[in-house]
């Protein structure tokens, strides 16, 4: 079931990306199973425990709440998610939410690009040597910004 290699909580924290306090808290709320103990009551972890901790870190980065991620942690690593239609649908919906956030962030990034392009100190020098060189850029306003972020 477990590999013979054992890790302290400090080593498990280092390998998983969770803090020692977070590991203890996740055990307390039963997000992670209680760790095995040595005779001196120190926690010991195995490779599969650390893999589960890494999964928690990954699910946390997706924005799932602790309550939402709990059912996924009860699955084995080789489980077919389509065998769990409710979990499958919830993850699909969550992915759509993330995709919308990405689109929103891309629009914000595009807005910043436009503002930076219009910053005089960042403009490239004029290529014309005549005095009648004009700035033919469209003024920055809400209408132009929305139009440019849609295209």
Protein backbone atom coordinates (compact mmCIF):
# COMPACT_ATOMS: atom_id res chain seq x y z
CA UNK A 1 0.00 0.00 0.00
CA UNK A 2 2.67 2.53 1.00
CA UNK A 3 6.24 2.73 -0.11
CA UNK A 4 8.75 1.87 2.57
CA UNK A 5 10.17 5.39 2.47
CA UNK A 6 9.04 7.53 5.39
CA UNK A 7 9.05 11.31 5.66
CA UNK A 8 8.75 13.68 8.58
CA UNK A 9 6.14 16.43 8.51
CA UNK A 10 8.93 18.90 7.68
CA UNK A 11 9.98 16.80 4.67
CA UNK A 12 6.37 16.29 3.60
CA UNK A 13 5.76 20.03 3.77
CA UNK A 14 8.86 20.75 1.72
CA UNK A 15 7.95 18.21 -0.95
CA UNK A 16 4.26 19.06 -1.16
CA UNK A 17 4.35 22.84 -1.00
CA UNK A 18 2.10 22.96 2.07
CA UNK A 19 3.25 24.34 5.40
CA UNK A 20 3.49 22.06 8.41
CA UNK A 21 0.65 23.97 10.09
CA UNK A 22 -1.51 23.60 6.98
CA UNK A 23 -0.90 19.85 6.89
CA UNK A 24 -1.93 19.58 10.54
CA UNK A 25 -5.03 21.70 9.88
CA UNK A 26 -6.04 19.65 6.83
CA UNK A 27 -5.72 16.49 8.93
CA UNK A 28 -7.81 18.08 11.69
CA UNK A 29 -10.66 18.96 9.26
CA UNK A 30 -10.28 15.53 7.62
CA UNK A 31 -9.31 16.89 4.22
CA UNK A 32 -6.21 14.72 4.52
CA UNK A 33 -6.17 11.43 6.43
CA UNK A 34 -4.49 11.38 9.82
CA UNK A 35 -0.83 10.57 9.47
CA UNK A 36 0.63 7.41 10.82
CA UNK A 37 2.65 7.91 13.99
CA UNK A 38 5.95 6.62 15.22
CA UNK A 39 6.23 5.36 18.77
CA UNK A 40 7.31 8.86 19.83
CA UNK A 41 4.01 10.18 18.33
CA UNK A 42 5.78 12.04 15.52
CA UNK A 43 3.90 11.98 12.25
CA UNK A 44 5.26 9.91 9.39
CA UNK A 45 4.23 10.26 5.77
CA UNK A 46 4.68 8.10 2.72
CA UNK A 47 4.94 8.89 -0.96
CA UNK A 48 1.19 8.46 -1.51
CA UNK A 49 0.48 10.90 1.33
CA UNK A 50 2.70 13.49 -0.30
CA UNK A 51 1.04 12.89 -3.68
CA UNK A 52 -2.33 13.58 -2.06
CA UNK A 53 -0.92 16.78 -0.55
CA UNK A 54 0.31 17.84 -3.99
CA UNK A 55 -3.18 17.21 -5.35
CA UNK A 56 -4.58 19.52 -2.66
CA UNK A 57 -2.11 22.21 -3.73
CA UNK A 58 -3.16 21.78 -7.35
CA UNK A 59 -6.89 21.86 -6.58
CA UNK A 60 -6.35 24.90 -4.36
CA UNK A 61 -4.69 26.73 -7.26
CA UNK A 62 -7.80 26.13 -9.37
CA UNK A 63 -9.81 28.06 -6.80
CA UNK A 64 -11.81 25.12 -5.46
CA UNK A 65 -12.81 25.54 -1.84
CA UNK A 66 -11.68 22.96 0.70
CA UNK A 67 -15.23 21.64 0.85
CA UNK A 68 -15.41 21.35 -2.96
CA UNK A 69 -12.09 19.51 -3.24
CA UNK A 70 -12.84 16.93 -0.54
CA UNK A 71 -14.73 14.48 -2.82
CA UNK A 72 -11.87 14.51 -5.34
CA UNK A 73 -9.41 13.55 -2.63
CA UNK A 74 -11.47 10.48 -1.81
CA UNK A 75 -10.93 9.11 -5.32
CA UNK A 76 -7.98 6.94 -6.19
CA UNK A 77 -5.38 8.34 -8.57
CA UNK A 78 -6.51 6.00 -11.35
CA UNK A 79 -10.26 6.71 -10.96
CA UNK A 80 -12.19 7.59 -14.09
CA UNK A 81 -13.95 10.87 -13.32
CA UNK A 82 -16.74 10.03 -15.78
CA UNK A 83 -17.79 7.33 -13.31
CA UNK A 84 -18.70 10.22 -10.97
CA UNK A 85 -21.03 12.44 -13.05
CA UNK A 86 -21.61 15.02 -10.30
CA UNK A 87 -17.89 15.54 -9.74
CA UNK A 88 -17.23 15.55 -13.46
CA UNK A 89 -19.89 18.23 -14.06
CA UNK A 90 -18.67 20.34 -11.14
CA UNK A 91 -15.11 20.27 -12.49
CA UNK A 92 -16.32 21.19 -15.98
CA UNK A 93 -18.26 24.16 -14.58
CA UNK A 94 -15.24 25.20 -12.57
CA UNK A 95 -13.11 25.05 -15.71
CA UNK A 96 -15.58 27.33 -17.51
CA UNK A 97 -15.33 29.82 -14.64
CA UNK A 98 -11.54 29.76 -14.86
CA UNK A 99 -11.71 30.28 -18.64
CA UNK A 100 -13.90 33.37 -18.08
CA UNK A 101 -11.37 34.71 -15.57
CA UNK A 102 -8.59 34.15 -18.10
CA UNK A 103 -10.54 36.08 -20.75
CA UNK A 104 -11.12 38.91 -18.30
CA UNK A 105 -7.43 39.04 -17.39
CA UNK A 106 -6.53 39.07 -21.09
CA UNK A 107 -8.79 42.10 -21.59
CA UNK A 108 -7.14 43.84 -18.65
CA UNK A 109 -3.70 43.04 -20.06
CA UNK A 110 -4.77 44.42 -23.44
CA UNK A 111 -5.99 47.61 -21.74
CA UNK A 112 -2.63 47.98 -19.99
CA UNK A 113 -0.84 47.49 -23.33
CA UNK A 114 -2.91 50.30 -24.85
CA UNK A 115 -2.20 52.65 -21.96
CA UNK A 116 1.51 51.88 -22.07
CA UNK A 117 1.61 52.44 -25.84
CA UNK A 118 0.15 55.90 -25.30
CA UNK A 119 2.63 56.86 -22.60
CA UNK A 120 4.84 59.58 -24.14
CA UNK A 121 8.06 58.42 -22.49
CA UNK A 122 7.59 54.95 -23.99
CA UNK A 123 6.80 56.10 -27.55
CA UNK A 124 9.40 55.39 -30.19
CA UNK A 125 11.00 58.53 -31.65
CA UNK A 126 9.24 60.09 -34.66
CA UNK A 127 10.56 58.83 -37.97
CA UNK A 128 9.74 61.99 -39.87
CA UNK A 129 12.15 64.93 -39.85
CA UNK A 130 9.49 67.48 -40.74
CA UNK A 131 7.73 69.73 -38.25
CA UNK A 132 4.30 68.74 -39.55
CA UNK A 133 4.50 65.15 -38.28
CA UNK A 134 1.18 64.46 -36.58
CA UNK A 135 0.02 61.91 -34.08
CA UNK A 136 -2.66 59.90 -35.90
CA UNK A 137 -3.49 57.65 -32.97
CA UNK A 138 -7.07 57.35 -31.74
CA UNK A 139 -7.62 59.05 -28.38
CA UNK A 140 -7.94 56.67 -25.44
CA UNK A 141 -11.51 56.60 -24.18
CA UNK A 142 -13.96 53.99 -22.96
CA UNK A 143 -15.64 53.51 -26.36
CA UNK A 144 -12.34 52.94 -28.19
CA UNK A 145 -11.05 50.68 -25.45
CA UNK A 146 -14.13 48.45 -25.48
CA UNK A 147 -14.07 48.34 -29.28
CA UNK A 148 -10.39 47.31 -29.31
CA UNK A 149 -10.82 44.66 -26.62
CA UNK A 150 -13.65 43.00 -28.55
CA UNK A 151 -11.67 42.75 -31.77
